[in-house]
Amino acid sequence: MFNLVKGTHDVILSEADKYSYIEQTFIQVAEFFNYKEFRTPIIESSELFQRSVGDSSDIVRKEMYTFLDKGDRSITLRPELTAGIIRSIVNNKLLALGDIPVKAYYVGPCFRYERPQQGRYRQFNQFGIECVGVVSPYRDVEVISLCYYGLKILGFKNLKLVINCLGDDESRTNYKNVLRDYFAKHLDNMCGDCKERFKLNVLRILDCKDPSDQEIVKNAPRIEDYLTPKSKENFDKILKTLDNLGIEYEIDRNLVRGLDYYSDVVFEFHYTSSKGINYGALCGGGHYNKLIQEIGGPKDIEGCGFAIGIERIASVMNDDNLFADIDESLDCYVMPLDISYQNKAIEIATTLRLNGFKSDVNLEGKGLKGMLKKALKFNTKYALILGEDEVNSNKIVVKDLKEEKQESIELDELISYLDQKESEDCECHHHQNEE
C-alpha cells in the first residue's frame, strides 16, 4: 500500500465532477471574452520565477519545489502560471506580430511547499487569465469583470471586490522611499518577515498579517498621496466603469497582493456566505508593467490577469451548497435480461451515446431487480429493458424512473421518442419557473 505524498490529495468521482464544473464555467466565460487556451510546462527554469515573482515573495523565499536535473540545471515545479504564460508569449514572439493584446486563459496544477490545511494543498489547481499588451485601463476592467461574472455564474452572490492602486514606477519609487523612512523607526519591534521585506520590497510589509505589525501599518503613509496624475486618472476610469457595470467595490489602501510584479490596479474578490460566514479572498490579480520585460520581452508592454484556486473555490461552494445545480444524472441505463442480449444492448447504448444521451449498459448479468437498483444509484432518468419479446420484435421497454411509467418503443423510433420526452421535460420546467 502506497500512501499519498504529504500535502497532496486524490480528486475522484463527484469531487472531480465539481472541479470540472468550476473549470468549464470559467473556460466558457473566458472564451466569451475571446481568450484562447495556453498550456505551458509544469517544470520551468528556476530563474524564471526568481525574476518574475520576486525575491521578496514568500513563494520564492519559502515555498518553491526546486531541484537540479541531470544536466545540473536548476528546475522548479511551477508555483503559479503567470510567469510561464508570459515566457510562452515571449518565446513564441506573439508580441512581435503587433497584434495586441494577447489574451490567454489557462488551467492546471501548481506546487508550493507550505503547511497543508483545509482547502490548501502542496499540489493545487489554478484557473487564470492574462491579458498581455494592455494599453487602456478598460482592459483592467475587462479582467476584473471576467472574474466577477465567472464567480456569479457559479452561484456566489455576496461578493465584494476589494481594490487598490499601487501606482506606476514613479509613484511606487516615491512611495517606497517614504515607507522606508517610516518603517525604519519601527523595525526593531516588527516580525522577522517584515525585516526581510524591508530589505527586499518594503511594500510587502503592508500585507503583513501579524496583529502587532498591522497596528504599525495603520499609521503608515498612504499610497494615494504619492500617485502620479496618470495613475490617478487611470484608477478613476476603472472605478467609474465598475460603477457603470454595477460591480460594487471597496478600496483597501493596504492591498498589495503577494507577488512583486504587480503595479497600478490590484484586486481580490471576497465572499460572505448566505449563512454570514466570511471566507475572505476567493481569488485575486492585478496589473503588471515590468513583468514582460523581466522575462525577456519588449519594453513598455503591460498586462493584467487573475488566478483562482480550484480547491479553494470548491471548498467554499461545498460549504455553501452551491453545487446543487450540477446534473449528475445518467440519461439511460440499458438492461439486458439475459447475457445473450448483451451484444444488442451494447449496440443500443452506442446509438444513444452518439445521439447525445449519457448512457451505461449492464454487462454483469444481474437480475431485473438488481439492475433497477443500479439504475437508481446512478440517478438514471430512463431504464431501457431488453427482454426476449423485445429482441424478437425489435422493440425496447422505456421505463421513466421519475414518473414510474413505461412504454414499449420501436428501436428505430427510440431516439425521436427520447428527444420528445426531453423536450416535454424542458417545457414543463420552463412553465414551472414562470409560475
Protein backbone atom coordinates (compact mmCIF):
# COMPACT_ATOMS: atom_id res chain seq x y z
CA MET A 1 0.00 0.00 0.00
CA PHE A 2 1.43 3.36 -1.05
CA ASN A 3 0.28 6.47 0.77
CA LEU A 4 -0.26 9.92 -0.71
CA VAL A 5 2.65 12.34 -0.53
CA LYS A 6 2.00 14.84 2.27
CA GLY A 7 0.04 17.85 1.08
CA THR A 8 -1.47 16.12 -1.96
CA HIS A 9 -4.90 14.59 -2.47
CA ASP A 10 -6.81 12.44 -4.95
CA VAL A 11 -9.57 14.20 -6.85
CA ILE A 12 -12.03 11.48 -7.84
CA LEU A 13 -15.70 10.76 -8.58
CA SER A 14 -18.09 13.55 -7.56
CA GLU A 15 -15.24 15.80 -6.37
CA ALA A 16 -13.64 15.58 -9.82
CA ASP A 17 -17.03 16.45 -11.36
CA LYS A 18 -17.13 19.57 -9.20
CA TYR A 19 -13.62 20.63 -10.20
CA SER A 20 -14.51 20.16 -13.87
CA TYR A 21 -17.71 22.17 -13.38
CA ILE A 22 -15.75 25.11 -11.94
CA GLU A 23 -13.08 24.91 -14.65
CA GLN A 24 -15.55 24.59 -17.52
CA THR A 25 -17.62 27.51 -16.21
CA PHE A 26 -14.60 29.81 -16.19
CA ILE A 27 -13.34 28.47 -19.53
CA GLN A 28 -16.69 29.24 -21.13
CA VAL A 29 -16.73 32.77 -19.71
CA ALA A 30 -13.12 33.34 -20.85
CA GLU A 31 -13.98 32.19 -24.37
CA PHE A 32 -16.95 34.58 -24.43
CA PHE A 33 -14.35 37.31 -23.78
CA ASN A 34 -12.25 35.97 -26.71
CA TYR A 35 -9.47 34.47 -24.57
CA LYS A 36 -7.54 31.50 -26.01
CA GLU A 37 -6.18 28.47 -24.14
CA PHE A 38 -2.47 28.20 -23.30
CA ARG A 39 -0.86 25.03 -21.89
CA THR A 40 2.67 25.50 -20.57
CA PRO A 41 5.07 23.00 -18.91
CA ILE A 42 4.79 22.16 -15.23
CA ILE A 43 8.59 22.46 -14.90
CA GLU A 44 10.43 25.68 -15.75
CA SER A 45 13.85 27.20 -15.14
CA SER A 46 14.08 28.36 -11.50
CA GLU A 47 15.34 31.75 -12.63
CA LEU A 48 12.02 32.41 -14.38
CA PHE A 49 10.20 32.55 -11.03
CA GLN A 50 13.03 34.33 -9.22
CA ARG A 51 12.94 37.11 -11.80
CA SER A 52 9.16 37.34 -12.18
CA VAL A 53 7.57 36.51 -8.84
CA GLY A 54 10.33 38.35 -6.95
CA ASP A 55 12.82 37.53 -4.21
CA SER A 56 10.69 39.24 -1.55
CA SER A 57 7.67 37.00 -2.10
CA ASP A 58 7.01 34.13 0.29
CA ILE A 59 6.69 31.86 -2.75
CA VAL A 60 10.32 32.33 -3.81
CA ARG A 61 11.73 32.61 -0.29
CA LYS A 62 9.94 29.64 1.29
CA GLU A 63 7.63 27.63 -0.93
CA MET A 64 9.19 26.61 -4.26
CA TYR A 65 9.92 22.98 -5.15
CA THR A 66 13.37 23.37 -6.72
CA PHE A 67 15.87 20.70 -7.75
CA LEU A 68 18.89 20.12 -10.02
CA ASP A 69 18.21 17.98 -13.08
CA LYS A 70 20.69 15.54 -14.63
CA GLY A 71 22.29 18.41 -16.54
CA ASP A 72 22.89 20.25 -13.25
CA ARG A 73 20.27 22.88 -14.18
CA SER A 74 18.06 24.40 -11.50
CA ILE A 75 14.46 23.41 -12.25
CA THR A 76 11.29 24.40 -10.35
CA LEU A 77 7.80 22.94 -10.29
CA ARG A 78 5.71 25.96 -11.18
CA PRO A 79 4.29 27.71 -8.08
CA GLU A 80 1.97 29.79 -10.31
CA LEU A 81 1.24 30.01 -14.02
CA THR A 82 1.57 33.69 -14.96
CA ALA A 83 5.34 33.59 -15.42
CA GLY A 84 5.14 30.54 -17.69
CA ILE A 85 2.37 32.11 -19.77
CA ILE A 86 4.41 35.30 -20.26
CA ARG A 87 7.52 33.25 -21.12
CA SER A 88 5.48 31.34 -23.71
CA ILE A 89 4.17 34.56 -25.27
CA VAL A 90 7.71 35.97 -25.44
CA ASN A 91 9.30 32.73 -26.73
CA ASN A 92 6.70 32.38 -29.46
CA LYS A 93 7.15 36.04 -30.47
CA LEU A 94 3.43 36.69 -30.22
CA LEU A 95 4.03 40.31 -29.21
CA ALA A 96 6.35 40.90 -32.18
CA LEU A 97 3.40 40.45 -34.51
CA GLY A 98 1.91 43.63 -33.08
CA ASP A 99 -1.49 42.02 -32.70
CA ILE A 100 -2.17 43.01 -29.11
CA PRO A 101 -3.49 42.26 -26.66
CA VAL A 102 -2.62 38.56 -26.44
CA LYS A 103 -5.47 37.11 -24.38
CA ALA A 104 -4.67 33.78 -22.70
CA TYR A 105 -6.50 31.53 -20.28
CA TYR A 106 -5.05 28.51 -18.52
CA VAL A 107 -5.90 25.76 -16.07
CA GLY A 108 -3.57 23.28 -14.41
CA PRO A 109 -1.64 22.14 -11.33
CA CYS A 110 0.82 24.25 -9.32
CA PHE A 111 3.13 23.34 -6.44
CA ARG A 112 4.05 25.17 -3.24
CA TYR A 113 5.76 23.78 -0.17
CA GLU A 114 3.53 25.16 2.55
CA ARG A 115 1.71 23.85 5.61
CA PRO A 116 -1.23 21.71 4.40
CA GLN A 117 -4.62 22.81 5.73
CA GLN A 118 -8.29 22.69 4.76
CA GLY A 119 -8.65 23.62 1.10
CA ARG A 120 -4.91 24.32 0.76
CA TYR A 121 -2.54 21.70 -0.64
CA ARG A 122 1.06 21.47 -1.81
CA GLN A 123 -0.24 20.45 -5.22
CA PHE A 124 -3.26 22.51 -6.20
CA ASN A 125 -5.04 23.63 -9.34
CA GLN A 126 -5.41 27.11 -10.77
CA PHE A 127 -7.53 28.74 -13.43
CA GLY A 128 -6.48 32.15 -14.63
CA ILE A 129 -6.19 34.63 -17.46
CA GLU A 130 -3.53 37.01 -18.72
CA CYS A 131 -4.23 39.96 -21.00
CA VAL A 132 -0.81 40.99 -22.37
CA GLY A 133 -0.37 44.21 -24.31
CA VAL A 134 -2.69 46.37 -22.21
CA VAL A 135 -2.78 49.97 -23.42
CA SER A 136 -6.02 51.03 -21.75
CA PRO A 137 -7.28 50.89 -18.15
CA TYR A 138 -10.51 49.45 -19.56
CA ARG A 139 -8.62 46.19 -20.20
CA ASP A 140 -8.09 46.04 -16.43
CA VAL A 141 -11.87 46.35 -16.05
CA GLU A 142 -12.32 43.53 -18.58
CA VAL A 143 -10.12 41.24 -16.48
CA ILE A 144 -11.91 42.16 -13.25
CA SER A 145 -15.36 41.73 -14.80
CA LEU A 146 -14.46 38.33 -16.31
CA CYS A 147 -13.54 37.11 -12.83
CA TYR A 148 -16.71 38.62 -11.38
CA TYR A 149 -19.06 37.04 -13.93
CA GLY A 150 -17.40 33.64 -13.58
CA LEU A 151 -17.98 33.68 -9.82
CA LYS A 152 -21.56 34.92 -10.23
CA ILE A 153 -22.39 32.10 -12.66
CA LEU A 154 -21.05 29.60 -10.11
CA GLY A 155 -23.61 30.99 -7.63
CA PHE A 156 -21.58 33.39 -5.49
CA LYS A 157 -23.91 36.24 -4.53
CA ASN A 158 -22.43 38.25 -1.66
CA LEU A 159 -19.23 39.13 -3.49
CA LYS A 160 -17.12 42.14 -2.57
CA LEU A 161 -14.44 43.44 -4.90
CA VAL A 162 -11.51 44.78 -2.85
CA ILE A 163 -9.32 47.02 -4.98
CA ASN A 164 -6.28 49.29 -4.70
CA CYS A 165 -3.87 51.23 -6.88
CA LEU A 166 -0.14 50.69 -6.34
CA GLY A 167 0.76 53.31 -8.92
CA ASP A 168 3.24 53.34 -11.79
CA ASP A 169 7.04 53.21 -11.43
CA GLU A 170 7.36 56.85 -10.40
CA SER A 171 4.52 56.55 -7.88
CA ARG A 172 5.96 53.43 -6.27
CA THR A 173 9.53 54.78 -6.14
CA ASN A 174 8.35 57.89 -4.27
CA TYR A 175 6.09 55.86 -2.01
CA LYS A 176 8.73 53.24 -1.18
CA ASN A 177 11.13 55.98 -0.08
CA VAL A 178 8.69 57.45 2.45
CA LEU A 179 7.68 53.94 3.62
CA ARG A 180 11.30 53.05 4.32
CA ASP A 181 11.69 56.21 6.38
CA TYR A 182 8.54 55.36 8.34
CA PHE A 183 9.16 51.65 8.94
CA ALA A 184 12.86 52.17 9.77
CA LYS A 185 11.72 53.79 13.04
CA HIS A 186 9.61 50.71 13.96
CA LEU A 187 11.64 47.85 12.50
CA ASP A 188 13.07 46.64 15.83
CA ASN A 189 9.54 45.86 17.01
CA MET A 190 8.40 44.08 13.85
CA CYS A 191 8.39 40.40 12.85
CA GLY A 192 11.26 38.65 11.06
CA ASP A 193 9.35 38.51 7.78
CA CYS A 194 8.82 42.28 7.82
CA LYS A 195 12.52 42.85 8.48
CA GLU A 196 13.30 40.75 5.41
CA ARG A 197 10.64 42.52 3.36
CA PHE A 198 12.07 45.88 4.41
CA LYS A 199 15.28 44.93 2.59
CA LEU A 200 13.68 43.32 -0.46
CA ASN A 201 10.37 45.12 -1.10
CA VAL A 202 9.06 47.44 1.59
CA LEU A 203 5.57 47.46 0.02
CA ARG A 204 5.10 43.86 1.11
CA ILE A 205 5.09 44.96 4.77
CA LEU A 206 1.62 46.41 4.14
CA ASP A 207 0.37 42.85 3.60
CA CYS A 208 1.72 41.50 6.92
CA LYS A 209 -0.84 39.51 8.94
CA ASP A 210 0.89 39.90 12.31
CA PRO A 211 -1.56 41.84 14.58
CA SER A 212 1.14 43.99 16.21
CA ASP A 213 2.64 44.86 12.82
CA GLN A 214 -0.81 45.72 11.49
CA GLU A 215 -1.10 48.36 14.22
CA ILE A 216 2.13 49.93 12.94
CA VAL A 217 0.91 49.72 9.34
CA LYS A 218 -2.27 51.64 10.25
CA ASN A 219 -0.29 54.86 10.71
CA ALA A 220 1.96 54.41 7.67
CA PRO A 221 1.87 56.94 4.79
CA ARG A 222 -0.88 56.23 2.25
CA ILE A 223 -0.20 55.33 -1.38
CA GLU A 224 -2.91 57.69 -2.73
CA ASP A 225 -0.82 60.68 -1.63
CA TYR A 226 2.03 59.65 -3.93
CA LEU A 227 0.23 58.57 -7.11
CA THR A 228 1.16 60.35 -10.33
CA PRO A 229 -1.64 62.18 -12.19
CA LYS A 230 -1.67 59.42 -14.82
CA SER A 231 -2.09 56.65 -12.23
CA LYS A 232 -4.86 58.59 -10.50
CA GLU A 233 -6.64 59.19 -13.80
CA ASN A 234 -6.46 55.52 -14.83
CA PHE A 235 -7.67 54.33 -11.43
CA ASP A 236 -10.59 56.77 -11.56
CA LYS A 237 -11.55 55.44 -15.01
CA ILE A 238 -11.50 51.88 -13.67
CA LEU A 239 -13.69 52.76 -10.69
CA LYS A 240 -16.20 54.71 -12.80
CA THR A 241 -16.51 51.84 -15.28
CA LEU A 242 -17.04 49.35 -12.46
CA ASP A 243 -19.80 51.66 -11.21
CA ASN A 244 -21.38 51.62 -14.67
CA LEU A 245 -21.23 47.79 -14.74
CA GLY A 246 -22.85 47.54 -11.31
CA ILE A 247 -19.81 45.83 -9.77
CA GLU A 248 -19.56 47.05 -6.18
CA TYR A 249 -16.11 47.54 -4.68
CA GLU A 250 -14.23 48.63 -1.59
CA ILE A 251 -10.89 50.45 -1.79
CA ASP A 252 -8.27 48.93 0.54
CA ARG A 253 -5.11 51.03 0.51
CA ASN A 254 -3.10 48.22 2.18
CA LEU A 255 -3.87 45.66 -0.51
CA VAL A 256 -0.61 44.86 -2.33
CA ARG A 257 -1.01 41.14 -3.25
CA GLY A 258 1.79 38.64 -2.64
CA LEU A 259 3.74 38.91 -5.89
CA ASP A 260 6.35 41.55 -6.62
CA TYR A 261 5.41 42.14 -10.26
CA TYR A 262 2.14 43.99 -9.60
CA SER A 263 1.74 47.71 -10.36
CA ASP A 264 -1.20 50.10 -10.64
CA VAL A 265 -4.50 48.25 -10.02
CA VAL A 266 -4.60 45.14 -7.80
CA PHE A 267 -7.76 43.39 -6.67
CA GLU A 268 -9.34 40.49 -4.79
CA PHE A 269 -12.88 39.14 -4.61
CA HIS A 270 -14.07 38.43 -1.06
CA TYR A 271 -17.12 36.34 -0.22
CA THR A 272 -19.63 36.15 2.61
CA SER A 273 -21.90 33.08 2.52
CA SER A 274 -25.68 33.02 2.85
CA LYS A 275 -25.11 31.97 6.48
CA GLY A 276 -22.98 35.04 7.15
CA ILE A 277 -19.63 33.22 7.10
CA ASN A 278 -16.85 35.48 5.81
CA TYR A 279 -14.50 33.38 3.67
CA GLY A 280 -12.15 36.24 2.83
CA ALA A 281 -10.42 36.32 -0.55
CA LEU A 282 -11.51 33.74 -3.14
CA CYS A 283 -9.12 34.94 -5.85
CA GLY A 284 -7.08 37.92 -6.93
CA GLY A 285 -4.97 39.57 -9.55
CA GLY A 286 -3.77 42.83 -10.92
CA HIS A 287 -1.81 44.87 -13.45
CA TYR A 288 1.90 44.49 -14.22
CA ASN A 289 4.10 46.83 -16.24
CA LYS A 290 7.61 45.33 -15.98
CA LEU A 291 6.95 41.58 -15.93
CA ILE A 292 7.18 41.09 -19.71
CA GLN A 293 10.48 42.96 -19.85
CA GLU A 294 11.83 40.97 -16.88
CA ILE A 295 11.16 37.73 -18.75
CA GLY A 296 12.95 38.92 -21.89
CA GLY A 297 10.12 40.57 -23.79
CA PRO A 298 9.94 44.06 -25.24
CA LYS A 299 9.92 47.14 -23.01
CA ASP A 300 6.81 49.11 -22.18
CA ILE A 301 4.45 46.15 -22.73
CA GLU A 302 1.99 45.89 -19.85
CA GLY A 303 -0.53 43.26 -18.83
CA CYS A 304 -3.21 42.29 -16.36
CA GLY A 305 -4.53 38.98 -15.05
CA PHE A 306 -6.04 36.99 -12.21
CA ALA A 307 -5.98 33.44 -10.85
CA ILE A 308 -8.33 31.35 -8.75
CA GLY A 309 -7.54 28.20 -6.77
CA ILE A 310 -9.92 25.42 -7.80
CA GLU A 311 -9.64 23.64 -4.43
CA ARG A 312 -10.43 26.87 -2.59
CA ILE A 313 -13.49 27.61 -4.74
CA ALA A 314 -14.75 24.01 -4.48
CA SER A 315 -14.37 24.01 -0.69
CA VAL A 316 -16.40 27.21 -0.29
CA MET A 317 -19.04 26.02 -2.76
CA ASN A 318 -19.42 22.77 -0.81
CA ASP A 319 -19.84 24.68 2.46
CA ASP A 320 -22.47 26.99 0.97
CA ASN A 321 -24.29 24.30 -1.07
CA LEU A 322 -23.55 25.95 -4.43
CA PHE A 323 -23.20 22.68 -6.31
CA ALA A 324 -26.92 21.94 -6.13
CA ASP A 325 -27.49 22.69 -9.82
CA ILE A 326 -24.91 20.19 -11.10
CA ASP A 327 -26.68 17.49 -13.09
CA GLU A 328 -25.01 14.19 -12.14
CA SER A 329 -27.82 12.04 -13.53
CA LEU A 330 -27.48 9.34 -16.16
CA ASP A 331 -29.87 9.62 -19.09
CA CYS A 332 -30.26 5.93 -19.94
CA TYR A 333 -29.35 2.59 -18.37
CA VAL A 334 -29.72 -0.33 -20.79
CA MET A 335 -30.68 -3.56 -19.02
CA PRO A 336 -30.46 -6.88 -20.96
CA LEU A 337 -32.47 -9.56 -19.14
CA ASP A 338 -30.21 -12.34 -20.45
CA ILE A 339 -26.47 -12.38 -21.18
CA SER A 340 -27.25 -13.44 -24.76
CA TYR A 341 -28.81 -9.99 -25.30
CA GLN A 342 -25.71 -8.06 -24.18
CA ASN A 343 -24.41 -7.62 -27.73
CA LYS A 344 -27.69 -5.96 -28.74
CA ALA A 345 -27.65 -3.89 -25.55
CA ILE A 346 -24.18 -2.55 -26.45
CA GLU A 347 -25.45 -1.54 -29.90
CA ILE A 348 -28.38 0.33 -28.34
CA ALA A 349 -26.16 2.08 -25.77
CA THR A 350 -23.74 3.13 -28.52
CA THR A 351 -26.58 4.63 -30.58
CA LEU A 352 -27.79 6.53 -27.51
CA ARG A 353 -24.32 7.91 -26.79
CA LEU A 354 -23.77 9.01 -30.38
CA ASN A 355 -27.05 10.91 -30.19
CA GLY A 356 -26.09 12.82 -27.05
CA PHE A 357 -27.61 10.66 -24.31
CA LYS A 358 -25.31 9.85 -21.39
CA SER A 359 -25.76 6.09 -21.16
CA ASP A 360 -24.47 2.94 -19.49
CA VAL A 361 -25.25 -0.73 -20.01
CA ASN A 362 -25.37 -3.58 -17.52
CA LEU A 363 -22.94 -6.33 -18.52
CA GLU A 364 -22.66 -8.03 -15.12
CA GLY A 365 -25.59 -10.44 -15.64
CA LYS A 366 -27.72 -9.13 -12.77
CA GLY A 367 -31.46 -9.77 -12.47
CA LEU A 368 -34.05 -7.08 -13.18
CA LYS A 369 -34.29 -6.04 -9.53
CA GLY A 370 -30.53 -5.69 -9.21
CA MET A 371 -30.27 -3.72 -12.46
CA LEU A 372 -33.05 -1.33 -11.39
CA LYS A 373 -31.22 -0.77 -8.10
CA LYS A 374 -28.06 0.09 -10.06
CA ALA A 375 -30.01 2.46 -12.33
CA LEU A 376 -31.40 4.29 -9.30
CA LYS A 377 -27.90 4.51 -7.81
CA PHE A 378 -26.80 6.32 -10.99
CA ASN A 379 -29.79 8.70 -10.68
CA THR A 380 -30.96 7.48 -14.08
CA LYS A 381 -33.84 9.08 -15.97
CA TYR A 382 -34.76 6.12 -18.19
CA ALA A 383 -34.25 2.40 -17.65
CA LEU A 384 -34.26 0.57 -21.01
CA ILE A 385 -35.31 -3.07 -20.58
CA LEU A 386 -34.34 -5.59 -23.24
CA GLY A 387 -36.03 -9.00 -22.86
CA GLU A 388 -36.89 -11.88 -25.18
CA ASP A 389 -40.07 -10.24 -26.51
CA GLU A 390 -38.23 -7.02 -27.25
CA VAL A 391 -35.37 -8.75 -29.07
CA ASN A 392 -37.84 -10.75 -31.21
CA SER A 393 -39.97 -7.68 -32.07
CA ASN A 394 -37.09 -5.18 -32.43
CA LYS A 395 -38.51 -3.09 -29.58
CA ILE A 396 -37.39 -1.95 -26.14
CA VAL A 397 -39.23 -1.04 -22.94
CA VAL A 398 -38.51 2.51 -21.75
CA LYS A 399 -39.25 2.98 -18.07
CA ASP A 400 -39.38 6.59 -16.83
CA LEU A 401 -37.94 6.13 -13.33
CA LYS A 402 -39.15 9.51 -12.11
CA GLU A 403 -42.78 9.09 -13.21
CA GLU A 404 -42.70 5.28 -12.80
CA LYS A 405 -44.33 4.78 -16.20
CA GLN A 406 -43.14 2.58 -19.02
CA GLU A 407 -43.81 2.13 -22.74
CA SER A 408 -42.75 -0.35 -25.41
CA ILE A 409 -40.97 1.54 -28.21
CA GLU A 410 -39.78 0.52 -31.67
CA LEU A 411 -35.96 0.62 -31.67
CA ASP A 412 -35.97 2.69 -34.84
CA GLU A 413 -38.05 5.32 -33.03
CA LEU A 414 -36.12 5.28 -29.72
CA ILE A 415 -34.07 8.43 -30.30
CA SER A 416 -37.01 10.51 -31.52
CA TYR A 417 -39.09 9.23 -28.58
CA LEU A 418 -36.43 10.25 -26.04
CA ASP A 419 -35.91 13.60 -27.77
CA GLN A 420 -39.63 14.27 -27.44
CA LYS A 421 -39.58 13.26 -23.75
CA GLU A 422 -36.67 15.60 -23.07
CA SER A 423 -38.41 18.42 -24.92
CA GLU A 424 -41.56 17.95 -22.84
CA ASP A 425 -39.50 17.94 -19.63
CA CYS A 426 -37.84 21.21 -20.66
CA GLU A 427 -41.20 22.84 -21.39
CA CYS A 428 -42.57 21.61 -18.04
CA HIS A 429 -39.56 23.04 -16.23
CA HIS A 430 -39.95 26.33 -18.12
CA HIS A 431 -43.63 26.64 -17.17
CA GLN A 432 -42.86 25.83 -13.51
CA ASN A 433 -40.29 28.63 -13.46
CA GLU A 434 -42.82 31.05 -14.96
CA GLU A 435 -45.34 30.15 -12.26
